[in-house]
Structures are given as C-alpha cells and as structure tokens.
Amino acid sequence: MSIIIQRDKQPKGGGKAPAFQVRITPDLKSQFEAAASNAGMSLANWLKTLGRKELERLGIKPKG
C-alpha cells in the first residue's frame, strides 16, 4: 500500500522559486513532519498552506 503525498499545485513560474531556510529544533521539525503526514502533505506544502491561511486570516490575498 502506497501513501500519496499531496504536493503544491500552485502554478509554477519561469524558474525555481528561491529557497527559504529556517532553523528549528529537531523535535519541532518532527512534530511538523507528523502533522504534515497526517494531513497527507509534504512538509513544504504543509508549511506553505499554513502561511497562505494565515495571510488570508490577516485579510491579505496570497500571491502564490
């Protein structure tokens, strides 16, 4: 049985988006990974989804 991980379906630009690096503790990263997995998403997609939702909550339309 294979698990399907949801990837970001936003339109791609002309090239790769710049990388975003952040330092977090291994324990927090493990919690993020578990939450992302439970949501059926990659960690990157889970974080982008959270960011987009927060922008919307603040009344800002996400651009990507």
Protein backbone atom coordinates (compact mmCIF):
# COMPACT_ATOMS: atom_id res chain seq x y z
CA MET A 1 0.00 0.00 0.00
CA SER A 2 1.50 3.31 -1.04
CA ILE A 3 0.78 6.64 0.60
CA ILE A 4 0.09 9.55 -1.71
CA ILE A 5 1.62 12.81 -0.52
CA GLN A 6 -0.10 15.99 -1.68
CA ARG A 7 2.31 18.36 -3.42
CA ASP A 8 1.83 22.06 -4.05
CA LYS A 9 -0.38 22.62 -7.08
CA GLN A 10 0.23 26.36 -7.41
CA PRO A 11 1.25 27.49 -10.91
CA LYS A 12 4.97 27.39 -11.42
CA GLY A 13 6.89 30.47 -12.51
CA GLY A 14 9.55 30.74 -15.17
CA GLY A 15 12.15 29.16 -12.90
CA LYS A 16 12.63 27.77 -9.44
CA ALA A 17 11.41 29.81 -6.52
CA PRO A 18 14.17 30.88 -4.16
CA ALA A 19 14.83 28.53 -1.26
CA PHE A 20 13.69 29.58 2.18
CA GLN A 21 15.79 28.32 5.06
CA VAL A 22 14.74 28.32 8.68
CA ARG A 23 16.36 26.72 11.70
CA ILE A 24 14.10 24.77 14.05
CA THR A 25 14.78 22.20 16.70
CA PRO A 26 14.72 18.54 15.65
CA ASP A 27 11.77 17.92 17.99
CA LEU A 28 9.71 20.72 16.43
CA LYS A 29 10.60 19.51 12.93
CA SER A 30 9.43 16.01 13.89
CA GLN A 31 6.12 17.45 15.07
CA PHE A 32 5.75 19.42 11.83
CA GLU A 33 6.54 16.31 9.77
CA ALA A 34 3.99 14.23 11.69
CA ALA A 35 1.29 16.88 11.24
CA ALA A 36 2.09 17.18 7.54
CA SER A 37 1.99 13.42 7.12
CA ASN A 38 -1.34 13.22 8.94
CA ALA A 39 -2.68 15.84 6.53
CA GLY A 40 -1.35 13.83 3.57
CA MET A 41 1.03 16.62 2.57
CA SER A 42 4.72 17.11 2.13
CA LEU A 43 6.29 19.23 4.87
CA ALA A 44 6.93 22.08 2.42
CA ASN A 45 3.34 22.04 1.17
CA TRP A 46 2.02 21.92 4.74
CA LEU A 47 4.07 24.98 5.70
CA LYS A 48 3.02 26.88 2.57
CA THR A 49 -0.62 26.01 3.26
CA LEU A 50 -0.31 27.33 6.82
CA GLY A 51 1.31 30.52 5.56
CA ARG A 52 -1.39 31.10 2.95
CA LYS A 53 -4.15 30.53 5.52
CA GLU A 54 -2.51 32.99 7.91
CA LEU A 55 -2.25 35.65 5.20
CA GLU A 56 -5.94 35.14 4.39
CA ARG A 57 -6.80 35.39 8.10
CA LEU A 58 -4.99 38.74 8.14
CA GLY A 59 -7.01 39.91 5.13
CA ILE A 60 -4.10 39.58 2.71
CA LYS A 61 -4.56 37.73 -0.58
CA PRO A 62 -1.66 35.27 -1.07
CA LYS A 63 0.19 35.86 -4.33
CA GLY A 64 1.45 32.35 -4.79
